Amino acid sequence: MSKYRQELIEIVRSQGLVETDEPLQLASGDWSRYFVDGKAALARGADLNKAAIALIELAAEAQVEFDAVGGLTMGADQFAHAVAMVHQDVEWFSVRKAPKDRGTRRLIEGSRLGPDRRVLLVDDVVTRGGSIIDAYNAIVATGATVVCAVTLLDRGAPEAATFFLDHGVPYRPLVRHDELGIPAVGTEPEFPAATG
């Protein structure tokens, strides 16, 4: 594990992990006493820079090259911009949750994706994978190829990893739930796992 990934574990734990007395409902529908705010964790420029370097290292470990980096807004935006700043030969993009309702009516802003583009797909926190899978589907609809998917934190549910395995895309979390000392989502005994 690189020094940047080791440092990110502590950054996420100290600046993004919140343990609550009462459970919170996550976007996945799961309930947990542990909430990880990836945006707050990397709000400091130096910390975001470390995450960008670690993302680039993970892509290199997966032996992939990419022309563009991005994912679903807002979870991916900070990573897309930071990676494009550090790795200056790539372009950033952002996938909207719905197409813009005026002007160009684009679903994807920034880099113009198409059949000749290799994409590093990024996200902040993956629980069951809904957001990163939505972004993947929007990207491949342009004809672009997702060569690797990277998330700041994987909460331990199998759906995202299984999806990318089934689609032949390397999936790499920078930080895993167990490295933060928190249970996998859906395994806290007092809270039922989300269904559907």
N, C-alpha and C. Protein backbone atom coordinates (compact mmCIF):
# COMPACT_ATOMS: atom_id res chain seq x y z
N MET A 1 0.85 -1.18 0.00
CA MET A 1 0.00 0.00 0.00
C MET A 1 0.90 1.24 0.00
N SER A 2 0.57 2.20 -0.86
CA SER A 2 1.39 3.39 -0.96
C SER A 2 1.24 4.27 0.27
N LYS A 3 2.20 5.15 0.47
CA LYS A 3 2.14 6.05 1.62
C LYS A 3 0.92 6.96 1.53
N TYR A 4 0.51 7.32 0.30
CA TYR A 4 -0.66 8.19 0.15
C TYR A 4 -1.93 7.48 0.60
N ARG A 5 -2.06 6.21 0.25
CA ARG A 5 -3.24 5.45 0.69
C ARG A 5 -3.22 5.28 2.20
N GLN A 6 -2.06 5.02 2.78
CA GLN A 6 -1.97 4.90 4.23
C GLN A 6 -2.39 6.21 4.90
N GLU A 7 -1.94 7.33 4.36
CA GLU A 7 -2.32 8.63 4.92
C GLU A 7 -3.81 8.89 4.74
N LEU A 8 -4.38 8.46 3.62
CA LEU A 8 -5.80 8.68 3.37
C LEU A 8 -6.68 7.96 4.39
N ILE A 9 -6.27 6.80 4.82
CA ILE A 9 -7.05 6.08 5.84
C ILE A 9 -7.23 6.96 7.07
N GLU A 10 -6.14 7.56 7.54
CA GLU A 10 -6.22 8.41 8.72
C GLU A 10 -6.97 9.71 8.43
N ILE A 11 -6.80 10.26 7.25
CA ILE A 11 -7.52 11.49 6.88
C ILE A 11 -9.03 11.23 6.88
N VAL A 12 -9.44 10.14 6.26
CA VAL A 12 -10.87 9.82 6.20
C VAL A 12 -11.40 9.53 7.59
N ARG A 13 -10.65 8.80 8.38
CA ARG A 13 -11.09 8.48 9.74
C ARG A 13 -11.24 9.75 10.59
N SER A 14 -10.27 10.64 10.52
CA SER A 14 -10.30 11.81 11.41
C SER A 14 -11.16 12.95 10.89
N GLN A 15 -11.33 13.07 9.59
CA GLN A 15 -12.02 14.24 9.04
C GLN A 15 -13.36 13.91 8.37
N GLY A 16 -13.62 12.63 8.10
CA GLY A 16 -14.85 12.30 7.40
C GLY A 16 -15.76 11.32 8.08
N LEU A 17 -15.25 10.58 9.05
CA LEU A 17 -16.04 9.54 9.72
C LEU A 17 -16.79 10.12 10.91
N VAL A 18 -18.10 9.92 10.91
CA VAL A 18 -18.95 10.37 12.01
C VAL A 18 -19.68 9.15 12.56
N GLU A 19 -19.56 8.95 13.87
CA GLU A 19 -20.32 7.89 14.54
C GLU A 19 -21.44 8.55 15.34
N THR A 20 -22.67 8.09 15.13
CA THR A 20 -23.82 8.71 15.76
C THR A 20 -24.48 7.74 16.75
N ASP A 21 -25.21 8.30 17.71
CA ASP A 21 -25.95 7.47 18.65
C ASP A 21 -27.18 6.86 17.98
N GLU A 22 -27.80 7.63 17.11
CA GLU A 22 -28.98 7.18 16.39
C GLU A 22 -28.58 6.84 14.96
N PRO A 23 -29.19 5.83 14.37
CA PRO A 23 -28.83 5.46 12.99
C PRO A 23 -29.24 6.53 11.99
N LEU A 24 -28.47 6.63 10.92
CA LEU A 24 -28.77 7.51 9.80
C LEU A 24 -29.12 6.65 8.60
N GLN A 25 -30.06 7.10 7.80
CA GLN A 25 -30.35 6.37 6.57
C GLN A 25 -29.42 6.87 5.47
N LEU A 26 -28.75 5.94 4.82
CA LEU A 26 -27.82 6.25 3.75
C LEU A 26 -28.57 6.32 2.42
N ALA A 27 -27.94 6.89 1.41
CA ALA A 27 -28.57 6.99 0.09
C ALA A 27 -28.97 5.63 -0.45
N SER A 28 -28.28 4.58 -0.05
CA SER A 28 -28.58 3.21 -0.50
C SER A 28 -29.87 2.66 0.10
N GLY A 29 -30.37 3.33 1.14
CA GLY A 29 -31.52 2.81 1.88
C GLY A 29 -31.11 2.08 3.14
N ASP A 30 -29.83 1.77 3.28
CA ASP A 30 -29.33 1.11 4.49
C ASP A 30 -29.31 2.09 5.65
N TRP A 31 -29.34 1.53 6.87
CA TRP A 31 -29.21 2.32 8.09
C TRP A 31 -27.86 2.00 8.73
N SER A 32 -27.23 3.03 9.29
CA SER A 32 -25.94 2.82 9.93
C SER A 32 -25.70 3.91 10.96
N ARG A 33 -24.96 3.55 11.99
CA ARG A 33 -24.50 4.56 12.95
C ARG A 33 -23.20 5.21 12.48
N TYR A 34 -22.69 4.76 11.35
CA TYR A 34 -21.43 5.30 10.81
C TYR A 34 -21.72 6.00 9.48
N PHE A 35 -21.35 7.25 9.40
CA PHE A 35 -21.51 8.02 8.18
C PHE A 35 -20.13 8.51 7.77
N VAL A 36 -19.80 8.36 6.50
CA VAL A 36 -18.51 8.83 6.00
C VAL A 36 -18.77 9.92 4.97
N ASP A 37 -18.31 11.12 5.28
CA ASP A 37 -18.46 12.28 4.41
C ASP A 37 -17.15 12.48 3.64
N GLY A 38 -17.12 11.96 2.41
CA GLY A 38 -15.91 12.04 1.60
C GLY A 38 -15.54 13.45 1.22
N LYS A 39 -16.53 14.31 1.08
CA LYS A 39 -16.26 15.70 0.70
C LYS A 39 -15.60 16.45 1.86
N ALA A 40 -16.12 16.27 3.08
CA ALA A 40 -15.51 16.90 4.25
C ALA A 40 -14.11 16.35 4.50
N ALA A 41 -13.94 15.04 4.29
CA ALA A 41 -12.63 14.42 4.54
C ALA A 41 -11.54 15.05 3.69
N LEU A 42 -11.89 15.43 2.46
CA LEU A 42 -10.87 15.94 1.53
C LEU A 42 -11.08 17.40 1.18
N ALA A 43 -11.66 18.16 2.10
CA ALA A 43 -11.91 19.58 1.84
C ALA A 43 -10.61 20.38 1.79
N ARG A 44 -9.59 19.93 2.45
CA ARG A 44 -8.29 20.61 2.45
C ARG A 44 -7.53 20.24 1.17
N GLY A 45 -7.00 21.24 0.50
CA GLY A 45 -6.32 21.04 -0.79
C GLY A 45 -5.21 20.00 -0.74
N ALA A 46 -4.40 20.02 0.29
CA ALA A 46 -3.28 19.07 0.38
C ALA A 46 -3.79 17.64 0.49
N ASP A 47 -4.91 17.46 1.21
CA ASP A 47 -5.47 16.11 1.35
C ASP A 47 -6.07 15.63 0.03
N LEU A 48 -6.75 16.53 -0.68
CA LEU A 48 -7.31 16.17 -1.99
C LEU A 48 -6.19 15.84 -2.97
N ASN A 49 -5.09 16.55 -2.89
CA ASN A 49 -3.94 16.27 -3.75
C ASN A 49 -3.41 14.86 -3.49
N LYS A 50 -3.33 14.46 -2.23
CA LYS A 50 -2.89 13.10 -1.89
C LYS A 50 -3.84 12.07 -2.48
N ALA A 51 -5.15 12.35 -2.40
CA ALA A 51 -6.13 11.42 -2.96
C ALA A 51 -5.96 11.31 -4.47
N ALA A 52 -5.69 12.42 -5.14
CA ALA A 52 -5.49 12.40 -6.60
C ALA A 52 -4.28 11.55 -6.96
N ILE A 53 -3.20 11.71 -6.23
CA ILE A 53 -2.00 10.92 -6.51
C ILE A 53 -2.29 9.44 -6.26
N ALA A 54 -2.99 9.14 -5.17
CA ALA A 54 -3.32 7.74 -4.87
C ALA A 54 -4.23 7.14 -5.94
N LEU A 55 -5.18 7.93 -6.47
CA LEU A 55 -6.04 7.45 -7.56
C LEU A 55 -5.21 7.11 -8.80
N ILE A 56 -4.28 7.97 -9.13
CA ILE A 56 -3.42 7.74 -10.29
C ILE A 56 -2.57 6.49 -10.07
N GLU A 57 -2.07 6.31 -8.85
CA GLU A 57 -1.28 5.12 -8.54
C GLU A 57 -2.11 3.84 -8.68
N LEU A 58 -3.37 3.88 -8.21
CA LEU A 58 -4.22 2.69 -8.34
C LEU A 58 -4.48 2.35 -9.80
N ALA A 59 -4.69 3.36 -10.63
CA ALA A 59 -4.89 3.11 -12.06
C ALA A 59 -3.63 2.49 -12.66
N ALA A 60 -2.47 2.97 -12.24
CA ALA A 60 -1.21 2.40 -12.74
C ALA A 60 -1.05 0.95 -12.28
N GLU A 61 -1.43 0.66 -11.02
CA GLU A 61 -1.37 -0.72 -10.53
C GLU A 61 -2.28 -1.65 -11.33
N ALA A 62 -3.40 -1.10 -11.78
CA ALA A 62 -4.34 -1.89 -12.60
C ALA A 62 -3.88 -1.95 -14.06
N GLN A 63 -2.76 -1.29 -14.36
CA GLN A 63 -2.15 -1.27 -15.69
C GLN A 63 -3.11 -0.73 -16.75
N VAL A 64 -3.77 0.40 -16.40
CA VAL A 64 -4.67 1.05 -17.35
C VAL A 64 -4.18 2.47 -17.62
N GLU A 65 -4.44 2.91 -18.82
CA GLU A 65 -4.19 4.30 -19.19
C GLU A 65 -5.54 4.94 -19.48
N PHE A 66 -5.66 6.24 -19.19
CA PHE A 66 -6.94 6.90 -19.37
C PHE A 66 -6.75 8.30 -19.93
N ASP A 67 -7.77 8.76 -20.66
CA ASP A 67 -7.77 10.09 -21.28
C ASP A 67 -8.64 11.07 -20.51
N ALA A 68 -9.62 10.55 -19.76
CA ALA A 68 -10.57 11.40 -19.05
C ALA A 68 -10.90 10.75 -17.71
N VAL A 69 -11.25 11.60 -16.75
CA VAL A 69 -11.57 11.14 -15.40
C VAL A 69 -12.81 11.87 -14.91
N GLY A 70 -13.73 11.11 -14.31
CA GLY A 70 -14.93 11.72 -13.76
C GLY A 70 -15.92 10.68 -13.33
N GLY A 71 -17.12 11.17 -12.98
CA GLY A 71 -18.19 10.31 -12.52
C GLY A 71 -19.40 11.15 -12.21
N LEU A 72 -20.29 10.61 -11.41
CA LEU A 72 -21.54 11.29 -11.10
C LEU A 72 -21.30 12.46 -10.15
N THR A 73 -21.88 13.63 -10.52
CA THR A 73 -21.80 14.77 -9.62
C THR A 73 -22.59 14.47 -8.35
N MET A 74 -22.20 14.89 -7.26
CA MET A 74 -21.09 15.64 -6.75
C MET A 74 -20.00 14.73 -6.21
N GLY A 75 -20.30 13.47 -6.03
CA GLY A 75 -19.33 12.58 -5.42
C GLY A 75 -18.02 12.45 -6.15
N ALA A 76 -18.05 12.64 -7.46
CA ALA A 76 -16.83 12.47 -8.25
C ALA A 76 -16.13 13.77 -8.59
N ASP A 77 -16.80 14.89 -8.46
CA ASP A 77 -16.28 16.14 -9.00
C ASP A 77 -14.91 16.53 -8.47
N GLN A 78 -14.73 16.47 -7.15
CA GLN A 78 -13.44 16.90 -6.60
C GLN A 78 -12.31 16.01 -7.10
N PHE A 79 -12.57 14.71 -7.26
CA PHE A 79 -11.53 13.81 -7.75
C PHE A 79 -11.21 14.07 -9.22
N ALA A 80 -12.25 14.28 -10.01
CA ALA A 80 -12.04 14.55 -11.44
C ALA A 80 -11.17 15.78 -11.63
N HIS A 81 -11.48 16.85 -10.92
CA HIS A 81 -10.70 18.08 -11.07
C HIS A 81 -9.28 17.90 -10.55
N ALA A 82 -9.14 17.27 -9.39
CA ALA A 82 -7.81 17.11 -8.80
C ALA A 82 -6.92 16.20 -9.64
N VAL A 83 -7.46 15.09 -10.13
CA VAL A 83 -6.65 14.18 -10.96
C VAL A 83 -6.23 14.89 -12.24
N ALA A 84 -7.12 15.67 -12.84
CA ALA A 84 -6.77 16.40 -14.06
C ALA A 84 -5.68 17.45 -13.79
N MET A 85 -5.66 18.00 -12.59
CA MET A 85 -4.61 18.97 -12.24
C MET A 85 -3.27 18.27 -12.02
N VAL A 86 -3.29 17.10 -11.37
CA VAL A 86 -2.05 16.38 -11.09
C VAL A 86 -1.53 15.69 -12.34
N HIS A 87 -2.41 15.02 -13.07
CA HIS A 87 -2.06 14.27 -14.29
C HIS A 87 -2.52 15.13 -15.46
N GLN A 88 -1.71 16.07 -15.85
CA GLN A 88 -2.15 17.15 -16.73
C GLN A 88 -2.42 16.73 -18.17
N ASP A 89 -2.23 15.47 -18.50
CA ASP A 89 -2.53 15.00 -19.86
C ASP A 89 -3.95 14.45 -19.97
N VAL A 90 -4.74 14.51 -18.91
CA VAL A 90 -6.11 13.99 -18.96
C VAL A 90 -7.11 15.13 -18.76
N GLU A 91 -8.34 14.87 -19.18
CA GLU A 91 -9.41 15.84 -19.03
C GLU A 91 -10.41 15.35 -18.00
N TRP A 92 -11.09 16.28 -17.35
CA TRP A 92 -12.12 15.93 -16.37
C TRP A 92 -13.49 16.02 -17.01
N PHE A 93 -14.45 15.32 -16.40
CA PHE A 93 -15.85 15.45 -16.79
C PHE A 93 -16.72 15.18 -15.58
N SER A 94 -17.98 15.57 -15.70
CA SER A 94 -18.96 15.35 -14.64
C SER A 94 -20.25 14.87 -15.26
N VAL A 95 -20.80 13.79 -14.72
CA VAL A 95 -22.08 13.25 -15.18
C VAL A 95 -23.18 13.86 -14.32
N ARG A 96 -24.11 14.55 -14.96
CA ARG A 96 -25.25 15.12 -14.24
C ARG A 96 -26.20 14.00 -13.83
N LYS A 97 -27.04 14.27 -12.84
CA LYS A 97 -28.05 13.29 -12.44
C LYS A 97 -29.21 13.28 -13.43
N ALA A 98 -29.37 14.37 -14.17
CA ALA A 98 -30.37 14.46 -15.24
C ALA A 98 -29.81 15.43 -16.28
N PRO A 99 -30.15 15.25 -17.55
CA PRO A 99 -29.63 16.17 -18.57
C PRO A 99 -30.01 17.62 -18.26
N LYS A 100 -29.14 18.53 -18.62
CA LYS A 100 -29.41 19.95 -18.47
C LYS A 100 -30.69 20.28 -19.23
N ASP A 101 -31.58 21.07 -18.65
CA ASP A 101 -32.87 21.31 -19.27
C ASP A 101 -32.90 22.54 -20.19
N ARG A 102 -31.74 23.06 -20.53
CA ARG A 102 -31.66 24.20 -21.44
C ARG A 102 -30.32 24.15 -22.16
N GLY A 103 -30.14 25.04 -23.12
CA GLY A 103 -28.87 25.12 -23.83
C GLY A 103 -28.56 23.82 -24.55
N THR A 104 -27.41 23.23 -24.23
CA THR A 104 -26.95 22.02 -24.93
C THR A 104 -27.67 20.75 -24.47
N ARG A 105 -28.35 20.81 -23.34
CA ARG A 105 -29.07 19.66 -22.77
C ARG A 105 -28.16 18.44 -22.54
N ARG A 106 -26.92 18.72 -22.19
CA ARG A 106 -25.95 17.64 -21.98
C ARG A 106 -26.18 16.91 -20.65
N LEU A 107 -25.89 15.63 -20.67
CA LEU A 107 -25.86 14.84 -19.45
C LEU A 107 -24.44 14.85 -18.87
N ILE A 108 -23.45 14.95 -19.75
CA ILE A 108 -22.04 14.93 -19.33
C ILE A 108 -21.40 16.25 -19.71
N GLU A 109 -20.81 16.91 -18.72
CA GLU A 109 -20.13 18.19 -18.92
C GLU A 109 -18.63 18.00 -18.81
N GLY A 110 -17.89 18.91 -19.43
CA GLY A 110 -16.43 18.85 -19.39
C GLY A 110 -15.93 18.13 -20.62
N SER A 111 -15.07 17.15 -20.46
CA SER A 111 -14.51 16.39 -21.58
C SER A 111 -15.62 15.82 -22.45
N ARG A 112 -15.44 15.85 -23.74
CA ARG A 112 -16.39 15.27 -24.69
C ARG A 112 -16.04 13.79 -24.86
N LEU A 113 -16.86 12.94 -24.27
CA LEU A 113 -16.61 11.51 -24.32
C LEU A 113 -17.14 10.92 -25.61
N GLY A 114 -16.49 9.88 -26.09
CA GLY A 114 -16.91 9.19 -27.30
C GLY A 114 -16.10 7.92 -27.46
N PRO A 115 -16.23 7.25 -28.60
CA PRO A 115 -15.62 5.93 -28.79
C PRO A 115 -14.10 5.88 -28.63
N ASP A 116 -13.42 6.98 -28.77
CA ASP A 116 -11.96 6.96 -28.67
C ASP A 116 -11.45 7.30 -27.28
N ARG A 117 -12.34 7.42 -26.30
CA ARG A 117 -11.94 7.88 -24.97
C ARG A 117 -11.90 6.73 -23.96
N ARG A 118 -10.80 6.72 -23.19
CA ARG A 118 -10.62 5.76 -22.09
C ARG A 118 -10.84 6.51 -20.78
N VAL A 119 -11.74 6.00 -19.96
CA VAL A 119 -12.20 6.74 -18.79
C VAL A 119 -11.79 6.06 -17.49
N LEU A 120 -11.28 6.87 -16.56
CA LEU A 120 -11.12 6.46 -15.17
C LEU A 120 -12.36 6.97 -14.44
N LEU A 121 -13.21 6.06 -14.01
CA LEU A 121 -14.45 6.38 -13.31
C LEU A 121 -14.16 6.51 -11.82
N VAL A 122 -14.61 7.62 -11.21
CA VAL A 122 -14.31 7.87 -9.79
C VAL A 122 -15.59 8.20 -9.02
N ASP A 123 -15.54 7.98 -7.71
CA ASP A 123 -16.63 8.33 -6.81
C ASP A 123 -16.04 8.50 -5.42
N ASP A 124 -16.83 9.12 -4.50
CA ASP A 124 -16.29 9.30 -3.16
C ASP A 124 -16.59 8.11 -2.25
N VAL A 125 -17.86 7.84 -1.99
CA VAL A 125 -18.21 6.73 -1.11
C VAL A 125 -19.16 5.79 -1.86
N VAL A 126 -18.78 4.52 -1.95
CA VAL A 126 -19.64 3.52 -2.58
C VAL A 126 -20.21 2.64 -1.48
N THR A 127 -21.55 2.64 -1.40
CA THR A 127 -22.23 1.79 -0.43
C THR A 127 -22.68 0.52 -1.13
N ARG A 128 -23.69 0.63 -1.98
CA ARG A 128 -24.12 -0.51 -2.79
C ARG A 128 -23.84 -0.31 -4.27
N GLY A 129 -23.39 0.89 -4.63
CA GLY A 129 -22.92 1.12 -5.99
C GLY A 129 -23.88 1.83 -6.92
N GLY A 130 -25.03 2.29 -6.43
CA GLY A 130 -26.01 2.91 -7.30
C GLY A 130 -25.46 4.07 -8.11
N SER A 131 -24.77 5.00 -7.47
CA SER A 131 -24.26 6.19 -8.16
C SER A 131 -23.17 5.86 -9.16
N ILE A 132 -22.22 5.01 -8.76
CA ILE A 132 -21.11 4.71 -9.65
C ILE A 132 -21.58 3.86 -10.84
N ILE A 133 -22.58 3.03 -10.62
CA ILE A 133 -23.14 2.24 -11.72
C ILE A 133 -23.94 3.13 -12.67
N ASP A 134 -24.70 4.11 -12.13
CA ASP A 134 -25.39 5.07 -12.99
C ASP A 134 -24.40 5.83 -13.86
N ALA A 135 -23.30 6.26 -13.26
CA ALA A 135 -22.28 6.99 -14.02
C ALA A 135 -21.68 6.09 -15.10
N TYR A 136 -21.38 4.85 -14.75
CA TYR A 136 -20.84 3.90 -15.73
C TYR A 136 -21.77 3.79 -16.94
N ASN A 137 -23.05 3.63 -16.68
CA ASN A 137 -24.01 3.47 -17.78
C ASN A 137 -24.07 4.70 -18.67
N ALA A 138 -24.00 5.89 -18.07
CA ALA A 138 -24.02 7.13 -18.87
C ALA A 138 -22.75 7.24 -19.72
N ILE A 139 -21.63 6.84 -19.16
CA ILE A 139 -20.35 6.93 -19.88
C ILE A 139 -20.32 5.97 -21.05
N VAL A 140 -20.67 4.71 -20.84
CA VAL A 140 -20.61 3.74 -21.93
C VAL A 140 -21.64 4.06 -23.01
N ALA A 141 -22.70 4.77 -22.66
CA ALA A 141 -23.69 5.18 -23.67
C ALA A 141 -23.09 6.15 -24.69
N THR A 142 -21.99 6.82 -24.32
CA THR A 142 -21.32 7.73 -25.26
C THR A 142 -20.40 6.98 -26.21
N GLY A 143 -20.13 5.71 -25.93
CA GLY A 143 -19.17 4.93 -26.70
C GLY A 143 -17.81 4.86 -26.04
N ALA A 144 -17.60 5.63 -24.97
CA ALA A 144 -16.32 5.61 -24.26
C ALA A 144 -16.17 4.30 -23.51
N THR A 145 -14.93 3.96 -23.17
CA THR A 145 -14.62 2.74 -22.44
C THR A 145 -14.18 3.08 -21.02
N VAL A 146 -14.82 2.51 -20.04
CA VAL A 146 -14.38 2.65 -18.65
C VAL A 146 -13.28 1.62 -18.44
N VAL A 147 -12.06 2.10 -18.18
CA VAL A 147 -10.92 1.20 -18.04
C VAL A 147 -10.63 0.82 -16.59
N CYS A 148 -11.18 1.61 -15.65
CA CYS A 148 -10.99 1.33 -14.23
C CYS A 148 -11.98 2.18 -13.45
N ALA A 149 -12.47 1.64 -12.32
CA ALA A 149 -13.34 2.38 -11.42
C ALA A 149 -12.67 2.45 -10.06
N VAL A 150 -12.58 3.66 -9.51
CA VAL A 150 -11.91 3.87 -8.23
C VAL A 150 -12.82 4.69 -7.32
N THR A 151 -12.90 4.30 -6.07
CA THR A 151 -13.66 5.05 -5.08
C THR A 151 -12.77 5.38 -3.89
N LEU A 152 -13.08 6.50 -3.25
CA LEU A 152 -12.36 6.84 -2.02
C LEU A 152 -12.61 5.76 -0.97
N LEU A 153 -13.89 5.41 -0.76
CA LEU A 153 -14.23 4.42 0.27
C LEU A 153 -15.26 3.44 -0.25
N ASP A 154 -15.03 2.16 0.00
CA ASP A 154 -16.01 1.12 -0.27
C ASP A 154 -16.55 0.65 1.08
N ARG A 155 -17.90 0.72 1.25
CA ARG A 155 -18.54 0.39 2.52
C ARG A 155 -18.73 -1.11 2.73
N GLY A 156 -18.30 -1.94 1.79
CA GLY A 156 -18.24 -3.38 2.04
C GLY A 156 -19.36 -4.22 1.49
N ALA A 157 -20.41 -3.61 0.92
CA ALA A 157 -21.45 -4.41 0.28
C ALA A 157 -20.92 -4.89 -1.08
N PRO A 158 -21.33 -6.06 -1.55
CA PRO A 158 -20.70 -6.65 -2.73
C PRO A 158 -21.19 -6.14 -4.09
N GLU A 159 -22.27 -5.37 -4.13
CA GLU A 159 -22.90 -5.06 -5.42
C GLU A 159 -21.98 -4.36 -6.42
N ALA A 160 -21.26 -3.33 -6.00
CA ALA A 160 -20.41 -2.59 -6.94
C ALA A 160 -19.27 -3.47 -7.46
N ALA A 161 -18.59 -4.16 -6.55
CA ALA A 161 -17.48 -5.02 -6.96
C ALA A 161 -17.95 -6.10 -7.93
N THR A 162 -19.11 -6.67 -7.65
CA THR A 162 -19.67 -7.71 -8.53
C THR A 162 -20.02 -7.13 -9.89
N PHE A 163 -20.64 -5.95 -9.91
CA PHE A 163 -21.01 -5.31 -11.18
C PHE A 163 -19.78 -5.11 -12.05
N PHE A 164 -18.73 -4.52 -11.49
CA PHE A 164 -17.54 -4.24 -12.30
C PHE A 164 -16.81 -5.52 -12.70
N LEU A 165 -16.78 -6.51 -11.84
CA LEU A 165 -16.21 -7.80 -12.21
C LEU A 165 -16.95 -8.39 -13.40
N ASP A 166 -18.28 -8.33 -13.35
CA ASP A 166 -19.10 -8.86 -14.45
C ASP A 166 -18.89 -8.10 -15.75
N HIS A 167 -18.48 -6.83 -15.66
CA HIS A 167 -18.27 -6.01 -16.85
C HIS A 167 -16.79 -5.91 -17.24
N GLY A 168 -15.94 -6.68 -16.57
CA GLY A 168 -14.53 -6.71 -16.92
C GLY A 168 -13.77 -5.44 -16.63
N VAL A 169 -14.22 -4.68 -15.63
CA VAL A 169 -13.59 -3.40 -15.28
C VAL A 169 -12.92 -3.54 -13.91
N PRO A 170 -11.63 -3.26 -13.81
CA PRO A 170 -10.99 -3.28 -12.50
C PRO A 170 -11.67 -2.27 -11.57
N TYR A 171 -11.96 -2.69 -10.34
CA TYR A 171 -12.59 -1.83 -9.34
C TYR A 171 -11.68 -1.78 -8.13
N ARG A 172 -11.28 -0.57 -7.74
CA ARG A 172 -10.31 -0.40 -6.67
C ARG A 172 -10.76 0.67 -5.68
N PRO A 173 -10.98 0.33 -4.42
CA PRO A 173 -11.20 1.36 -3.41
C PRO A 173 -9.86 1.85 -2.85
N LEU A 174 -9.76 3.14 -2.58
CA LEU A 174 -8.58 3.67 -1.90
C LEU A 174 -8.58 3.25 -0.43
N VAL A 175 -9.78 3.23 0.17
CA VAL A 175 -9.94 2.86 1.58
C VAL A 175 -11.11 1.88 1.67
N ARG A 176 -10.95 0.84 2.48
CA ARG A 176 -12.04 -0.11 2.73
C ARG A 176 -12.62 0.15 4.12
N HIS A 177 -13.88 -0.21 4.30
CA HIS A 177 -14.57 0.00 5.57
C HIS A 177 -13.80 -0.57 6.75
N ASP A 178 -13.24 -1.78 6.59
CA ASP A 178 -12.54 -2.42 7.70
C ASP A 178 -11.27 -1.66 8.09
N GLU A 179 -10.68 -0.92 7.14
CA GLU A 179 -9.49 -0.12 7.45
C GLU A 179 -9.86 1.08 8.32
N LEU A 180 -11.14 1.46 8.32
CA LEU A 180 -11.62 2.53 9.20
C LEU A 180 -12.12 1.97 10.53
N GLY A 181 -12.22 0.64 10.62
CA GLY A 181 -12.73 0.01 11.83
C GLY A 181 -14.24 0.07 11.95
N ILE A 182 -14.94 0.12 10.81
CA ILE A 182 -16.40 0.14 10.84
C ILE A 182 -16.93 -1.11 10.13
N PRO A 183 -18.13 -1.56 10.52
CA PRO A 183 -18.68 -2.76 9.89
C PRO A 183 -19.11 -2.50 8.45
N ALA A 184 -19.15 -3.56 7.68
CA ALA A 184 -19.69 -3.46 6.32
C ALA A 184 -21.14 -3.03 6.40
N VAL A 185 -21.56 -2.21 5.44
CA VAL A 185 -22.94 -1.75 5.44
C VAL A 185 -23.88 -2.95 5.35
N GLY A 186 -24.98 -2.87 6.08
CA GLY A 186 -25.94 -3.98 6.07
C GLY A 186 -25.63 -5.08 7.06
N THR A 187 -24.52 -4.96 7.81
CA THR A 187 -24.16 -6.01 8.76
C THR A 187 -24.31 -5.59 10.21
N GLU A 188 -24.68 -4.34 10.45
CA GLU A 188 -24.91 -3.93 11.84
C GLU A 188 -26.18 -4.65 12.29
N PRO A 189 -26.10 -5.51 13.30
CA PRO A 189 -27.19 -6.43 13.61
C PRO A 189 -28.53 -5.76 13.95
N GLU A 190 -28.49 -4.54 14.48
CA GLU A 190 -29.74 -3.91 14.87
C GLU A 190 -30.47 -3.23 13.71
N PHE A 191 -29.81 -3.16 12.51
CA PHE A 191 -30.41 -2.49 11.37
C PHE A 191 -30.53 -3.45 10.20
N PRO A 192 -31.69 -3.59 9.61
CA PRO A 192 -31.84 -4.49 8.45
C PRO A 192 -31.12 -3.91 7.23
N ALA A 193 -30.64 -4.77 6.37
CA ALA A 193 -30.02 -4.35 5.12
C ALA A 193 -31.10 -3.82 4.18
N ALA A 194 -30.71 -2.90 3.32
CA ALA A 194 -31.64 -2.37 2.32
C ALA A 194 -32.00 -3.48 1.35
N THR A 195 -33.21 -3.41 0.83
CA THR A 195 -33.63 -4.38 -0.19
C THR A 195 -33.96 -3.65 -1.46
N GLY A 196 -33.86 -4.38 -2.60
CA GLY A 196 -34.21 -3.79 -3.89
C GLY A 196 -33.16 -2.93 -4.34
